[in-house]
N, C-alpha and C. Protein backbone atom coordinates (compact mmCIF):
# COMPACT_ATOMS: atom_id res chain seq x y z
N MET A 1 15.44 18.61 13.21
CA MET A 1 15.76 18.77 11.80
C MET A 1 16.84 17.78 11.36
N ILE A 2 17.77 17.47 12.27
CA ILE A 2 18.82 16.50 11.95
C ILE A 2 18.21 15.16 11.60
N SER A 3 17.14 14.77 12.31
CA SER A 3 16.50 13.48 12.03
C SER A 3 15.88 13.47 10.63
N VAL A 4 15.33 14.60 10.18
CA VAL A 4 14.75 14.68 8.84
C VAL A 4 15.85 14.58 7.79
N LEU A 5 16.95 15.25 8.01
CA LEU A 5 18.06 15.18 7.05
C LEU A 5 18.63 13.76 6.99
N HIS A 6 18.73 13.10 8.14
CA HIS A 6 19.19 11.71 8.15
C HIS A 6 18.20 10.82 7.39
N ALA A 7 16.91 11.01 7.64
CA ALA A 7 15.88 10.22 6.95
C ALA A 7 15.95 10.43 5.44
N ALA A 8 16.18 11.67 5.01
CA ALA A 8 16.29 11.95 3.57
C ALA A 8 17.47 11.20 2.97
N LYS A 9 18.59 11.15 3.68
CA LYS A 9 19.75 10.40 3.19
C LYS A 9 19.43 8.91 3.09
N VAL A 10 18.70 8.39 4.07
CA VAL A 10 18.28 6.98 4.04
C VAL A 10 17.40 6.73 2.81
N LEU A 11 16.46 7.62 2.57
CA LEU A 11 15.58 7.49 1.40
C LEU A 11 16.37 7.52 0.10
N LEU A 12 17.29 8.46 0.00
CA LEU A 12 18.08 8.61 -1.23
C LEU A 12 19.01 7.43 -1.48
N ARG A 13 19.32 6.66 -0.43
CA ARG A 13 20.12 5.44 -0.58
C ARG A 13 19.24 4.22 -0.82
N GLY A 14 17.93 4.41 -1.02
CA GLY A 14 17.04 3.29 -1.30
C GLY A 14 16.39 2.70 -0.07
N GLY A 15 16.38 3.42 1.04
CA GLY A 15 15.83 2.90 2.28
C GLY A 15 14.33 3.05 2.41
N VAL A 16 13.82 2.36 3.42
CA VAL A 16 12.40 2.43 3.81
C VAL A 16 12.38 2.99 5.22
N ILE A 17 11.53 3.99 5.44
CA ILE A 17 11.45 4.64 6.74
C ILE A 17 10.02 4.58 7.29
N ALA A 18 9.90 4.86 8.59
CA ALA A 18 8.60 5.08 9.23
C ALA A 18 8.62 6.51 9.73
N TYR A 19 7.49 7.20 9.65
CA TYR A 19 7.45 8.62 10.00
C TYR A 19 6.02 9.04 10.35
N PRO A 20 5.87 10.12 11.15
CA PRO A 20 4.54 10.59 11.49
C PRO A 20 3.90 11.38 10.33
N THR A 21 2.60 11.21 10.18
CA THR A 21 1.85 11.98 9.18
C THR A 21 0.72 12.73 9.91
N GLU A 22 -0.27 13.17 9.16
CA GLU A 22 -1.37 13.96 9.72
C GLU A 22 -2.16 13.21 10.78
N GLY A 23 -2.30 11.89 10.65
CA GLY A 23 -3.16 11.17 11.58
C GLY A 23 -2.63 9.82 12.03
N VAL A 24 -1.69 9.25 11.29
CA VAL A 24 -1.13 7.94 11.64
C VAL A 24 0.34 7.95 11.28
N PHE A 25 1.08 6.96 11.75
CA PHE A 25 2.45 6.80 11.29
C PHE A 25 2.40 6.15 9.91
N GLY A 26 3.34 6.53 9.07
CA GLY A 26 3.41 5.98 7.73
C GLY A 26 4.71 5.24 7.49
N LEU A 27 4.68 4.39 6.49
CA LEU A 27 5.88 3.75 5.97
C LEU A 27 6.13 4.37 4.61
N GLY A 28 7.39 4.66 4.29
CA GLY A 28 7.63 5.32 3.03
C GLY A 28 8.98 5.02 2.42
N CYS A 29 9.06 5.35 1.15
CA CYS A 29 10.29 5.26 0.37
C CYS A 29 10.11 6.22 -0.80
N LEU A 30 11.13 6.35 -1.61
CA LEU A 30 10.99 7.20 -2.79
C LEU A 30 10.12 6.48 -3.82
N PRO A 31 9.22 7.20 -4.48
CA PRO A 31 8.26 6.55 -5.38
C PRO A 31 8.85 6.03 -6.68
N ASP A 32 10.08 6.42 -7.02
CA ASP A 32 10.69 5.94 -8.26
C ASP A 32 11.72 4.84 -8.02
N ASP A 33 11.81 4.33 -6.80
CA ASP A 33 12.77 3.28 -6.45
C ASP A 33 12.03 1.94 -6.38
N GLN A 34 12.07 1.19 -7.47
CA GLN A 34 11.30 -0.06 -7.57
C GLN A 34 11.70 -1.08 -6.50
N GLN A 35 12.98 -1.17 -6.19
CA GLN A 35 13.44 -2.12 -5.18
C GLN A 35 12.91 -1.73 -3.79
N ALA A 36 12.95 -0.45 -3.47
CA ALA A 36 12.43 0.02 -2.19
C ALA A 36 10.91 -0.18 -2.12
N LEU A 37 10.22 0.02 -3.24
CA LEU A 37 8.77 -0.20 -3.28
C LEU A 37 8.44 -1.67 -2.97
N ARG A 38 9.18 -2.58 -3.60
CA ARG A 38 8.95 -4.01 -3.34
C ARG A 38 9.22 -4.35 -1.88
N ARG A 39 10.28 -3.79 -1.34
CA ARG A 39 10.61 -4.04 0.07
C ARG A 39 9.53 -3.51 0.99
N LEU A 40 9.04 -2.29 0.72
CA LEU A 40 7.98 -1.70 1.54
C LEU A 40 6.73 -2.60 1.51
N LEU A 41 6.35 -3.06 0.33
CA LEU A 41 5.18 -3.94 0.22
C LEU A 41 5.40 -5.23 1.00
N ASN A 42 6.60 -5.77 0.96
CA ASN A 42 6.91 -6.99 1.72
C ASN A 42 6.85 -6.73 3.23
N ILE A 43 7.42 -5.62 3.67
CA ILE A 43 7.39 -5.28 5.10
C ILE A 43 5.96 -5.20 5.59
N LYS A 44 5.13 -4.53 4.82
CA LYS A 44 3.73 -4.31 5.20
C LYS A 44 2.85 -5.53 4.94
N ARG A 45 3.37 -6.44 4.11
CA ARG A 45 2.59 -7.60 3.65
C ARG A 45 1.35 -7.14 2.88
N ARG A 46 1.55 -6.14 2.05
CA ARG A 46 0.46 -5.52 1.28
C ARG A 46 0.45 -6.08 -0.13
N ASP A 47 -0.73 -6.38 -0.60
CA ASP A 47 -0.93 -6.82 -1.97
C ASP A 47 -0.59 -5.67 -2.92
N ALA A 48 0.34 -5.89 -3.83
CA ALA A 48 0.77 -4.84 -4.75
C ALA A 48 -0.38 -4.33 -5.62
N ALA A 49 -1.41 -5.13 -5.82
CA ALA A 49 -2.54 -4.72 -6.65
C ALA A 49 -3.32 -3.55 -6.04
N LYS A 50 -3.18 -3.34 -4.73
CA LYS A 50 -3.93 -2.26 -4.07
C LYS A 50 -3.38 -0.88 -4.38
N GLY A 51 -2.13 -0.79 -4.79
CA GLY A 51 -1.53 0.51 -5.06
C GLY A 51 -1.08 1.19 -3.77
N LEU A 52 -0.45 2.33 -3.93
CA LEU A 52 0.11 3.08 -2.81
C LEU A 52 -0.23 4.56 -2.95
N ILE A 53 -0.14 5.29 -1.85
CA ILE A 53 -0.34 6.74 -1.84
C ILE A 53 1.02 7.41 -1.98
N VAL A 54 1.04 8.50 -2.71
CA VAL A 54 2.23 9.33 -2.85
C VAL A 54 1.90 10.71 -2.28
N ILE A 55 2.76 11.20 -1.37
CA ILE A 55 2.55 12.52 -0.79
C ILE A 55 3.63 13.47 -1.28
N ALA A 56 3.36 14.77 -1.18
CA ALA A 56 4.33 15.78 -1.55
C ALA A 56 4.17 16.98 -0.63
N ALA A 57 5.22 17.79 -0.58
CA ALA A 57 5.19 19.01 0.24
C ALA A 57 4.34 20.09 -0.40
N ASN A 58 4.23 20.05 -1.73
CA ASN A 58 3.46 21.05 -2.46
C ASN A 58 3.08 20.47 -3.82
N ALA A 59 2.19 21.15 -4.51
CA ALA A 59 1.70 20.65 -5.80
C ALA A 59 2.82 20.53 -6.84
N GLY A 60 3.81 21.40 -6.77
CA GLY A 60 4.91 21.37 -7.73
C GLY A 60 5.70 20.07 -7.69
N GLN A 61 5.76 19.43 -6.52
CA GLN A 61 6.50 18.17 -6.43
C GLN A 61 5.81 17.03 -7.19
N PHE A 62 4.57 17.22 -7.56
CA PHE A 62 3.85 16.18 -8.31
C PHE A 62 4.05 16.29 -9.82
N GLU A 63 4.85 17.25 -10.27
CA GLU A 63 5.07 17.41 -11.71
C GLU A 63 5.61 16.11 -12.31
N GLY A 64 4.92 15.61 -13.31
CA GLY A 64 5.28 14.35 -13.96
C GLY A 64 4.65 13.13 -13.31
N TRP A 65 4.22 13.26 -12.07
CA TRP A 65 3.60 12.14 -11.34
C TRP A 65 2.10 12.09 -11.57
N ILE A 66 1.48 13.26 -11.81
CA ILE A 66 0.03 13.32 -12.03
C ILE A 66 -0.24 14.11 -13.31
N ASP A 67 -1.44 13.91 -13.85
CA ASP A 67 -1.83 14.58 -15.09
C ASP A 67 -3.27 15.08 -14.92
N LEU A 68 -3.39 16.23 -14.25
CA LEU A 68 -4.71 16.77 -13.95
C LEU A 68 -5.31 17.43 -15.20
N PRO A 69 -6.65 17.47 -15.25
CA PRO A 69 -7.29 18.17 -16.36
C PRO A 69 -6.84 19.64 -16.40
N LYS A 70 -6.73 20.17 -17.59
CA LYS A 70 -6.26 21.55 -17.80
C LYS A 70 -7.09 22.52 -16.94
N GLY A 71 -6.39 23.40 -16.26
CA GLY A 71 -7.06 24.42 -15.46
C GLY A 71 -7.45 23.97 -14.05
N ARG A 72 -7.18 22.73 -13.70
CA ARG A 72 -7.53 22.22 -12.36
C ARG A 72 -6.26 21.97 -11.57
N SER A 73 -6.36 22.14 -10.26
CA SER A 73 -5.22 21.89 -9.39
C SER A 73 -5.70 21.26 -8.09
N LEU A 74 -4.77 20.61 -7.41
CA LEU A 74 -5.11 20.01 -6.12
C LEU A 74 -5.38 21.10 -5.11
N PRO A 75 -6.40 20.90 -4.26
CA PRO A 75 -6.67 21.90 -3.22
C PRO A 75 -5.55 21.92 -2.17
N GLU A 76 -5.41 23.05 -1.51
CA GLU A 76 -4.45 23.15 -0.41
C GLU A 76 -4.90 22.21 0.71
N PRO A 77 -3.95 21.63 1.44
CA PRO A 77 -4.30 20.66 2.48
C PRO A 77 -4.95 21.30 3.70
N ASP A 78 -5.78 20.53 4.37
CA ASP A 78 -6.41 20.92 5.63
C ASP A 78 -5.85 20.00 6.71
N PRO A 79 -5.09 20.52 7.68
CA PRO A 79 -4.46 19.66 8.68
C PRO A 79 -5.46 18.84 9.50
N ASP A 80 -6.66 19.38 9.67
CA ASP A 80 -7.66 18.68 10.48
C ASP A 80 -8.42 17.62 9.69
N CYS A 81 -8.38 17.71 8.37
CA CYS A 81 -9.10 16.75 7.53
C CYS A 81 -8.27 16.46 6.27
N PRO A 82 -7.22 15.65 6.41
CA PRO A 82 -6.40 15.36 5.22
C PRO A 82 -7.19 14.56 4.19
N VAL A 83 -6.99 14.93 2.93
CA VAL A 83 -7.68 14.25 1.83
C VAL A 83 -6.65 13.72 0.85
N THR A 84 -6.77 12.45 0.53
CA THR A 84 -5.99 11.83 -0.53
C THR A 84 -6.86 11.83 -1.77
N TRP A 85 -6.31 12.29 -2.87
CA TRP A 85 -7.05 12.41 -4.12
C TRP A 85 -6.66 11.32 -5.10
N ILE A 86 -7.66 10.74 -5.74
CA ILE A 86 -7.44 9.77 -6.81
C ILE A 86 -7.44 10.55 -8.12
N VAL A 87 -6.29 10.56 -8.78
CA VAL A 87 -6.08 11.44 -9.94
C VAL A 87 -5.54 10.65 -11.13
N PRO A 88 -5.64 11.24 -12.32
CA PRO A 88 -5.00 10.62 -13.47
C PRO A 88 -3.48 10.63 -13.27
N PRO A 89 -2.80 9.51 -13.55
CA PRO A 89 -1.36 9.44 -13.33
C PRO A 89 -0.58 10.13 -14.45
N GLY A 90 0.59 10.62 -14.08
CA GLY A 90 1.54 11.15 -15.06
C GLY A 90 2.49 10.06 -15.51
N THR A 91 3.43 10.42 -16.34
CA THR A 91 4.35 9.43 -16.91
C THR A 91 5.30 8.82 -15.88
N LYS A 92 5.56 9.50 -14.77
CA LYS A 92 6.46 8.97 -13.74
C LYS A 92 5.80 7.92 -12.85
N ALA A 93 4.48 7.85 -12.86
CA ALA A 93 3.74 6.96 -11.95
C ALA A 93 3.77 5.52 -12.47
N SER A 94 4.60 4.71 -11.86
CA SER A 94 4.77 3.32 -12.30
C SER A 94 3.59 2.44 -11.89
N PRO A 95 3.44 1.30 -12.54
CA PRO A 95 2.41 0.34 -12.13
C PRO A 95 2.58 -0.10 -10.67
N MET A 96 3.80 -0.09 -10.14
CA MET A 96 4.00 -0.46 -8.73
C MET A 96 3.26 0.51 -7.81
N LEU A 97 3.15 1.77 -8.20
CA LEU A 97 2.43 2.75 -7.39
C LEU A 97 0.92 2.63 -7.59
N ARG A 98 0.51 2.41 -8.83
CA ARG A 98 -0.91 2.38 -9.17
C ARG A 98 -1.58 1.07 -8.79
N GLY A 99 -0.81 -0.02 -8.74
CA GLY A 99 -1.41 -1.32 -8.51
C GLY A 99 -2.30 -1.70 -9.68
N GLN A 100 -3.48 -2.21 -9.39
CA GLN A 100 -4.41 -2.62 -10.46
C GLN A 100 -5.21 -1.45 -11.02
N HIS A 101 -4.95 -0.25 -10.52
CA HIS A 101 -5.76 0.92 -10.88
C HIS A 101 -5.15 1.67 -12.06
N THR A 102 -6.00 2.42 -12.74
CA THR A 102 -5.53 3.29 -13.82
C THR A 102 -5.25 4.69 -13.31
N SER A 103 -5.43 4.90 -12.01
CA SER A 103 -5.25 6.20 -11.38
C SER A 103 -4.14 6.12 -10.33
N LEU A 104 -3.83 7.26 -9.73
CA LEU A 104 -2.82 7.34 -8.68
C LEU A 104 -3.41 8.08 -7.49
N ALA A 105 -3.11 7.62 -6.29
CA ALA A 105 -3.56 8.27 -5.06
C ALA A 105 -2.47 9.22 -4.58
N VAL A 106 -2.83 10.51 -4.40
CA VAL A 106 -1.85 11.52 -3.98
C VAL A 106 -2.43 12.44 -2.91
N ARG A 107 -1.51 13.04 -2.13
CA ARG A 107 -1.94 14.01 -1.12
C ARG A 107 -0.83 15.04 -0.93
N ILE A 108 -1.22 16.31 -0.91
CA ILE A 108 -0.30 17.33 -0.45
C ILE A 108 -0.38 17.27 1.07
N THR A 109 0.73 16.95 1.70
CA THR A 109 0.71 16.73 3.14
C THR A 109 0.72 18.04 3.92
N SER A 110 0.03 18.03 5.04
CA SER A 110 0.08 19.18 5.95
C SER A 110 0.90 18.83 7.19
N SER A 111 1.39 17.59 7.26
CA SER A 111 2.23 17.18 8.38
C SER A 111 3.59 17.88 8.28
N PRO A 112 4.00 18.62 9.31
CA PRO A 112 5.29 19.30 9.24
C PRO A 112 6.46 18.34 9.00
N VAL A 113 6.44 17.17 9.64
CA VAL A 113 7.52 16.21 9.47
C VAL A 113 7.51 15.63 8.05
N ALA A 114 6.36 15.18 7.58
CA ALA A 114 6.27 14.60 6.24
C ALA A 114 6.63 15.63 5.17
N LYS A 115 6.18 16.87 5.36
CA LYS A 115 6.51 17.94 4.40
C LYS A 115 8.02 18.17 4.38
N ALA A 116 8.63 18.22 5.56
CA ALA A 116 10.08 18.42 5.65
C ALA A 116 10.84 17.27 4.99
N LEU A 117 10.34 16.04 5.13
CA LEU A 117 10.97 14.88 4.47
C LEU A 117 10.94 15.04 2.95
N CYS A 118 9.77 15.41 2.41
CA CYS A 118 9.66 15.59 0.96
C CYS A 118 10.59 16.69 0.46
N LEU A 119 10.69 17.77 1.22
CA LEU A 119 11.57 18.88 0.81
C LEU A 119 13.04 18.47 0.91
N ALA A 120 13.41 17.79 1.99
CA ALA A 120 14.80 17.38 2.18
C ALA A 120 15.24 16.37 1.13
N ALA A 121 14.34 15.46 0.75
CA ALA A 121 14.66 14.46 -0.27
C ALA A 121 14.47 15.01 -1.68
N GLU A 122 13.88 16.20 -1.77
CA GLU A 122 13.56 16.82 -3.06
C GLU A 122 12.75 15.89 -3.94
N SER A 123 11.76 15.25 -3.30
CA SER A 123 10.95 14.25 -4.00
C SER A 123 9.65 14.03 -3.26
N PRO A 124 8.61 13.62 -4.00
CA PRO A 124 7.45 13.08 -3.31
C PRO A 124 7.88 11.82 -2.55
N LEU A 125 7.00 11.32 -1.73
CA LEU A 125 7.30 10.18 -0.87
C LEU A 125 6.12 9.23 -0.85
N VAL A 126 6.39 7.93 -0.91
CA VAL A 126 5.32 6.95 -0.73
C VAL A 126 4.86 7.05 0.71
N SER A 127 3.56 6.97 0.92
CA SER A 127 3.02 7.06 2.27
C SER A 127 1.90 6.04 2.42
N THR A 128 2.22 4.94 3.07
CA THR A 128 1.20 3.93 3.37
C THR A 128 1.19 3.76 4.88
N SER A 129 0.04 3.52 5.44
CA SER A 129 -0.06 3.46 6.90
C SER A 129 0.86 2.39 7.48
N ALA A 130 1.41 2.70 8.64
CA ALA A 130 2.35 1.80 9.31
C ALA A 130 1.58 0.74 10.08
N ASN A 131 1.25 -0.31 9.38
CA ASN A 131 0.59 -1.47 9.96
C ASN A 131 0.82 -2.64 9.03
N LEU A 132 0.72 -3.83 9.59
CA LEU A 132 0.70 -5.01 8.73
C LEU A 132 -0.67 -5.05 8.09
N SER A 133 -0.73 -5.44 6.84
CA SER A 133 -1.99 -5.42 6.11
C SER A 133 -3.10 -6.10 6.91
N GLY A 134 -4.21 -5.38 7.06
CA GLY A 134 -5.37 -5.91 7.78
C GLY A 134 -5.33 -5.70 9.28
N LYS A 135 -4.24 -5.17 9.81
CA LYS A 135 -4.09 -4.93 11.25
C LYS A 135 -4.30 -3.45 11.55
N PRO A 136 -4.54 -3.11 12.83
CA PRO A 136 -4.72 -1.68 13.18
C PRO A 136 -3.48 -0.85 12.84
N THR A 137 -3.72 0.40 12.51
CA THR A 137 -2.66 1.33 12.15
C THR A 137 -1.97 1.88 13.40
N ALA A 138 -0.65 2.03 13.32
CA ALA A 138 0.11 2.58 14.45
C ALA A 138 -0.16 4.07 14.59
N ARG A 139 -0.66 4.45 15.77
CA ARG A 139 -0.87 5.86 16.07
C ARG A 139 0.03 6.33 17.22
N ASN A 140 0.75 5.40 17.83
CA ASN A 140 1.69 5.82 18.87
C ASN A 140 3.05 5.17 18.63
N ARG A 141 4.08 5.80 19.16
CA ARG A 141 5.45 5.36 18.90
C ARG A 141 5.76 3.98 19.45
N PHE A 142 5.13 3.60 20.58
CA PHE A 142 5.38 2.30 21.17
C PHE A 142 4.98 1.19 20.20
N VAL A 143 3.77 1.28 19.67
CA VAL A 143 3.27 0.28 18.71
C VAL A 143 4.14 0.29 17.46
N LEU A 144 4.47 1.48 16.97
CA LEU A 144 5.30 1.61 15.77
C LEU A 144 6.65 0.90 15.96
N HIS A 145 7.32 1.18 17.06
CA HIS A 145 8.63 0.57 17.31
C HIS A 145 8.53 -0.95 17.47
N ARG A 146 7.48 -1.39 18.16
CA ARG A 146 7.32 -2.83 18.37
C ARG A 146 7.15 -3.57 17.04
N GLN A 147 6.39 -3.01 16.13
CA GLN A 147 6.12 -3.69 14.86
C GLN A 147 7.20 -3.49 13.81
N PHE A 148 7.89 -2.33 13.81
CA PHE A 148 8.71 -2.01 12.65
C PHE A 148 10.17 -1.66 12.93
N ALA A 149 10.58 -1.55 14.18
CA ALA A 149 11.96 -1.13 14.47
C ALA A 149 13.01 -2.04 13.85
N ASN A 150 12.73 -3.32 13.72
CA ASN A 150 13.71 -4.25 13.18
C ASN A 150 13.62 -4.46 11.67
N VAL A 151 12.65 -3.81 11.01
CA VAL A 151 12.47 -4.07 9.58
C VAL A 151 12.57 -2.83 8.69
N VAL A 152 12.52 -1.63 9.27
CA VAL A 152 12.72 -0.42 8.47
C VAL A 152 14.12 0.12 8.75
N ASP A 153 14.59 0.99 7.89
CA ASP A 153 15.95 1.52 8.01
C ASP A 153 16.06 2.69 8.98
N TYR A 154 14.95 3.37 9.23
CA TYR A 154 14.98 4.50 10.15
C TYR A 154 13.56 4.84 10.56
N ILE A 155 13.40 5.20 11.82
CA ILE A 155 12.11 5.72 12.32
C ILE A 155 12.34 7.18 12.67
N VAL A 156 11.61 8.06 11.99
CA VAL A 156 11.73 9.49 12.21
C VAL A 156 11.00 9.85 13.50
N PRO A 157 11.67 10.52 14.43
CA PRO A 157 10.99 10.91 15.66
C PRO A 157 9.89 11.92 15.38
N GLY A 158 8.88 11.93 16.23
CA GLY A 158 7.80 12.90 16.10
C GLY A 158 6.47 12.27 16.42
N ASP A 159 5.47 13.12 16.48
CA ASP A 159 4.11 12.69 16.78
C ASP A 159 3.22 12.92 15.58
N CYS A 160 2.16 12.12 15.50
CA CYS A 160 1.18 12.29 14.43
C CYS A 160 0.42 13.60 14.64
N GLY A 161 -0.13 14.11 13.57
CA GLY A 161 -0.88 15.36 13.61
C GLY A 161 -2.25 15.20 14.22
N PRO A 162 -3.09 16.22 14.06
CA PRO A 162 -4.37 16.28 14.76
C PRO A 162 -5.48 15.38 14.21
N SER A 163 -5.31 14.85 13.01
CA SER A 163 -6.36 14.00 12.45
C SER A 163 -6.47 12.71 13.26
N SER A 164 -7.64 12.14 13.30
CA SER A 164 -7.88 10.97 14.15
C SER A 164 -7.61 9.63 13.48
N GLY A 165 -7.08 9.63 12.29
CA GLY A 165 -6.81 8.37 11.60
C GLY A 165 -6.36 8.62 10.18
N PRO A 166 -6.44 7.58 9.35
CA PRO A 166 -6.03 7.73 7.95
C PRO A 166 -6.86 8.79 7.22
N SER A 167 -6.31 9.30 6.14
CA SER A 167 -6.96 10.36 5.38
C SER A 167 -8.23 9.87 4.69
N GLU A 168 -9.10 10.83 4.44
CA GLU A 168 -10.25 10.59 3.57
C GLU A 168 -9.71 10.40 2.16
N ILE A 169 -10.38 9.60 1.36
CA ILE A 169 -9.98 9.42 -0.04
C ILE A 169 -11.14 9.85 -0.93
N ARG A 170 -10.83 10.73 -1.90
CA ARG A 170 -11.84 11.24 -2.83
C ARG A 170 -11.36 11.12 -4.26
N ASP A 171 -12.29 10.90 -5.16
CA ASP A 171 -12.00 10.94 -6.58
C ASP A 171 -11.90 12.40 -7.01
N PHE A 172 -10.79 12.77 -7.61
CA PHE A 172 -10.55 14.16 -7.98
C PHE A 172 -11.53 14.66 -9.03
N ILE A 173 -11.85 13.84 -10.00
CA ILE A 173 -12.72 14.26 -11.10
C ILE A 173 -14.17 14.41 -10.64
N SER A 174 -14.70 13.41 -9.93
CA SER A 174 -16.11 13.43 -9.54
C SER A 174 -16.35 14.05 -8.16
N GLY A 175 -15.33 14.07 -7.31
CA GLY A 175 -15.50 14.56 -5.94
C GLY A 175 -16.08 13.51 -5.00
N LYS A 176 -16.40 12.33 -5.53
CA LYS A 176 -17.01 11.27 -4.73
C LYS A 176 -16.05 10.81 -3.63
N ILE A 177 -16.59 10.64 -2.41
CA ILE A 177 -15.80 10.14 -1.29
C ILE A 177 -15.71 8.62 -1.40
N LEU A 178 -14.50 8.10 -1.49
CA LEU A 178 -14.27 6.67 -1.64
C LEU A 178 -13.96 6.01 -0.29
N ARG A 179 -13.34 6.76 0.62
CA ARG A 179 -13.11 6.30 2.00
C ARG A 179 -13.36 7.50 2.90
N PRO A 180 -14.39 7.41 3.74
CA PRO A 180 -14.68 8.56 4.61
C PRO A 180 -13.60 8.75 5.68
N ARG A 181 -13.56 9.95 6.17
CA ARG A 181 -12.65 10.31 7.24
C ARG A 181 -13.02 9.55 8.50
N VAL A 182 -12.01 9.07 9.21
CA VAL A 182 -12.24 8.40 10.49
C VAL A 182 -12.38 9.46 11.56
N GLN A 183 -13.44 9.40 12.35
CA GLN A 183 -13.67 10.41 13.39
C GLN A 183 -13.34 9.90 14.74
């Protein structure tokens, strides 16, 4: 728990961290910190036009970040099959998060570490896979440390969850699968 509290302090000071998620290690920062977002994109060598995923501990943390149709809500997370939803953005969702898209990618995380980070920081968290753009995603700590120990502000200890890779991505309105689950 001390590591999560330390990571939250790093995030609140504008830092970029690496941390375990449901299926892969992620790189993250606070979603409203434009300087940290730019740094994260540079570390990952990711094209800003692609946009980023924002995770939260619960649906309430997305208030202002998403604008779902009246009467609809995000489904509860499934630890064995995490789903990232493409949703209408709220007023807090900056173009840096959306990239070239008119929507925002979000997920209620089932990862105990990622959930604890969001709660400790009292904020949703950017969550992009810990890899250089176009390279394999880090699923073990050795690879994560080798690639990112010298460029992120903190690596949160822990292991990835039971999922076998990055989350499935679905359009919230249509239900269409945009990126299938990796098995």
